[in-house]
Amino acid sequence: MTLTVADRQSLERDLDEAVSQAISEALKEGNKGILVTRCDYRTFKVELSEDVPFGTIAEAEFA
């Protein structure tokens, strides 16, 4: 899921919601963690990743 946020308040709300959805999906699959990538100052990507251990949320910055 890719998010584009307008301000700090929507950033926190939208990221929390996206991570909650990703947690639900990760629990169903049982073998992937969650990767949150900051693509730029307004755009974030939240996805399940085999590179992140199950039960873990990792953050990265896209360079």
C-alpha atoms as a PDB file:
ATOM      1  CA  MET A   1       0.000   0.000   0.000  1.00  0.00           C
ATOM      2  CA  THR A   2       1.376   3.418  -0.937  1.00  0.00           C
ATOM      3  CA  LEU A   3       0.308   6.487   1.056  1.00  0.00           C
ATOM      4  CA  THR A   4       0.658  10.139   0.175  1.00  0.00           C
ATOM      5  CA  VAL A   5       0.000  12.391   3.144  1.00  0.00           C
ATOM      6  CA  ALA A   6      -0.843  16.083   3.291  1.00  0.00           C
ATOM      7  CA  ASP A   7       0.241  16.931   6.838  1.00  0.00           C
ATOM      8  CA  ARG A   8       1.656  15.514  10.067  1.00  0.00           C
ATOM      9  CA  GLN A   9      -1.756  14.679  11.518  1.00  0.00           C
ATOM     10  CA  SER A  10      -2.821  12.655   8.485  1.00  0.00           C
ATOM     11  CA  LEU A  11       0.635  11.044   8.365  1.00  0.00           C
ATOM     12  CA  GLU A  12       0.225   9.508  11.811  1.00  0.00           C
ATOM     13  CA  ARG A  13      -3.403   8.503  11.268  1.00  0.00           C
ATOM     14  CA  ASP A  14      -2.898   7.028   7.792  1.00  0.00           C
ATOM     15  CA  LEU A  15       0.319   5.199   8.676  1.00  0.00           C
ATOM     16  CA  ASP A  16      -1.265   3.724  11.813  1.00  0.00           C
ATOM     17  CA  GLU A  17      -4.198   2.471   9.747  1.00  0.00           C
ATOM     18  CA  ALA A  18      -1.960   1.015   7.012  1.00  0.00           C
ATOM     19  CA  VAL A  19       0.285  -0.734   9.546  1.00  0.00           C
ATOM     20  CA  SER A  20      -2.771  -2.161  11.345  1.00  0.00           C
ATOM     21  CA  GLN A  21      -4.019  -3.602   8.055  1.00  0.00           C
ATOM     22  CA  ALA A  22      -0.558  -5.006   7.316  1.00  0.00           C
ATOM     23  CA  ILE A  23      -0.425  -6.621  10.772  1.00  0.00           C
ATOM     24  CA  SER A  24      -3.728  -8.385  10.068  1.00  0.00           C
ATOM     25  CA  GLU A  25      -2.394  -9.660   6.737  1.00  0.00           C
ATOM     26  CA  ALA A  26       0.926 -10.728   8.289  1.00  0.00           C
ATOM     27  CA  LEU A  27      -0.856 -12.705  10.999  1.00  0.00           C
ATOM     28  CA  LYS A  28      -2.833 -14.589   8.335  1.00  0.00           C
ATOM     29  CA  GLU A  29       0.294 -15.460   6.342  1.00  0.00           C
ATOM     30  CA  GLY A  30       2.487 -16.112   9.372  1.00  0.00           C
ATOM     31  CA  ASN A  31       5.842 -15.839   7.623  1.00  0.00           C
ATOM     32  CA  LYS A  32       6.491 -12.187   6.725  1.00  0.00           C
ATOM     33  CA  GLY A  33       7.226  -9.011   8.605  1.00  0.00           C
ATOM     34  CA  ILE A  34       6.183  -5.472   7.745  1.00  0.00           C
ATOM     35  CA  LEU A  35       8.374  -2.987   5.916  1.00  0.00           C
ATOM     36  CA  VAL A  36       7.527   0.725   6.058  1.00  0.00           C
ATOM     37  CA  THR A  37       9.511   2.708   3.483  1.00  0.00           C
ATOM     38  CA  ARG A  38       9.661   6.490   3.327  1.00  0.00           C
ATOM     39  CA  CYS A  39       9.877   7.304  -0.386  1.00  0.00           C
ATOM     40  CA  ASP A  40       9.932  11.074   0.093  1.00  0.00           C
ATOM     41  CA  TYR A  41       8.683  13.538   2.689  1.00  0.00           C
ATOM     42  CA  ARG A  42       5.018  12.871   1.830  1.00  0.00           C
ATOM     43  CA  THR A  43       4.990   9.347   0.397  1.00  0.00           C
ATOM     44  CA  PHE A  44       5.260   6.066   2.302  1.00  0.00           C
ATOM     45  CA  LYS A  45       4.960   2.428   1.293  1.00  0.00           C
ATOM     46  CA  VAL A  46       3.705  -0.247   3.724  1.00  0.00           C
ATOM     47  CA  GLU A  47       4.153  -3.853   2.624  1.00  0.00           C
ATOM     48  CA  LEU A  48       4.713  -7.394   3.809  1.00  0.00           C
ATOM     49  CA  SER A  49       8.280  -8.546   3.246  1.00  0.00           C
ATOM     50  CA  GLU A  50      10.087 -11.875   3.446  1.00  0.00           C
ATOM     51  CA  ASP A  51      13.227  -9.848   4.260  1.00  0.00           C
ATOM     52  CA  VAL A  52      11.682  -8.754   7.571  1.00  0.00           C
ATOM     53  CA  PRO A  53      11.215 -11.444  10.236  1.00  0.00           C
ATOM     54  CA  PHE A  54       7.638 -12.351  11.142  1.00  0.00           C
ATOM     55  CA  GLY A  55       6.460 -10.277  14.097  1.00  0.00           C
ATOM     56  CA  THR A  56       8.733  -7.359  13.209  1.00  0.00           C
ATOM     57  CA  ILE A  57       8.060  -3.926  11.714  1.00  0.00           C
ATOM     58  CA  ALA A  58      11.093  -2.432   9.962  1.00  0.00           C
ATOM     59  CA  GLU A  59      11.533   1.089   8.635  1.00  0.00           C
ATOM     60  CA  ALA A  60      13.595   2.153   5.635  1.00  0.00           C
ATOM     61  CA  GLU A  61      14.232   5.283   3.605  1.00  0.00           C
ATOM     62  CA  PHE A  62      14.272   5.087  -0.158  1.00  0.00           C
ATOM     63  CA  ALA A  63      17.394   6.771  -1.451  1.00  0.00           C
END
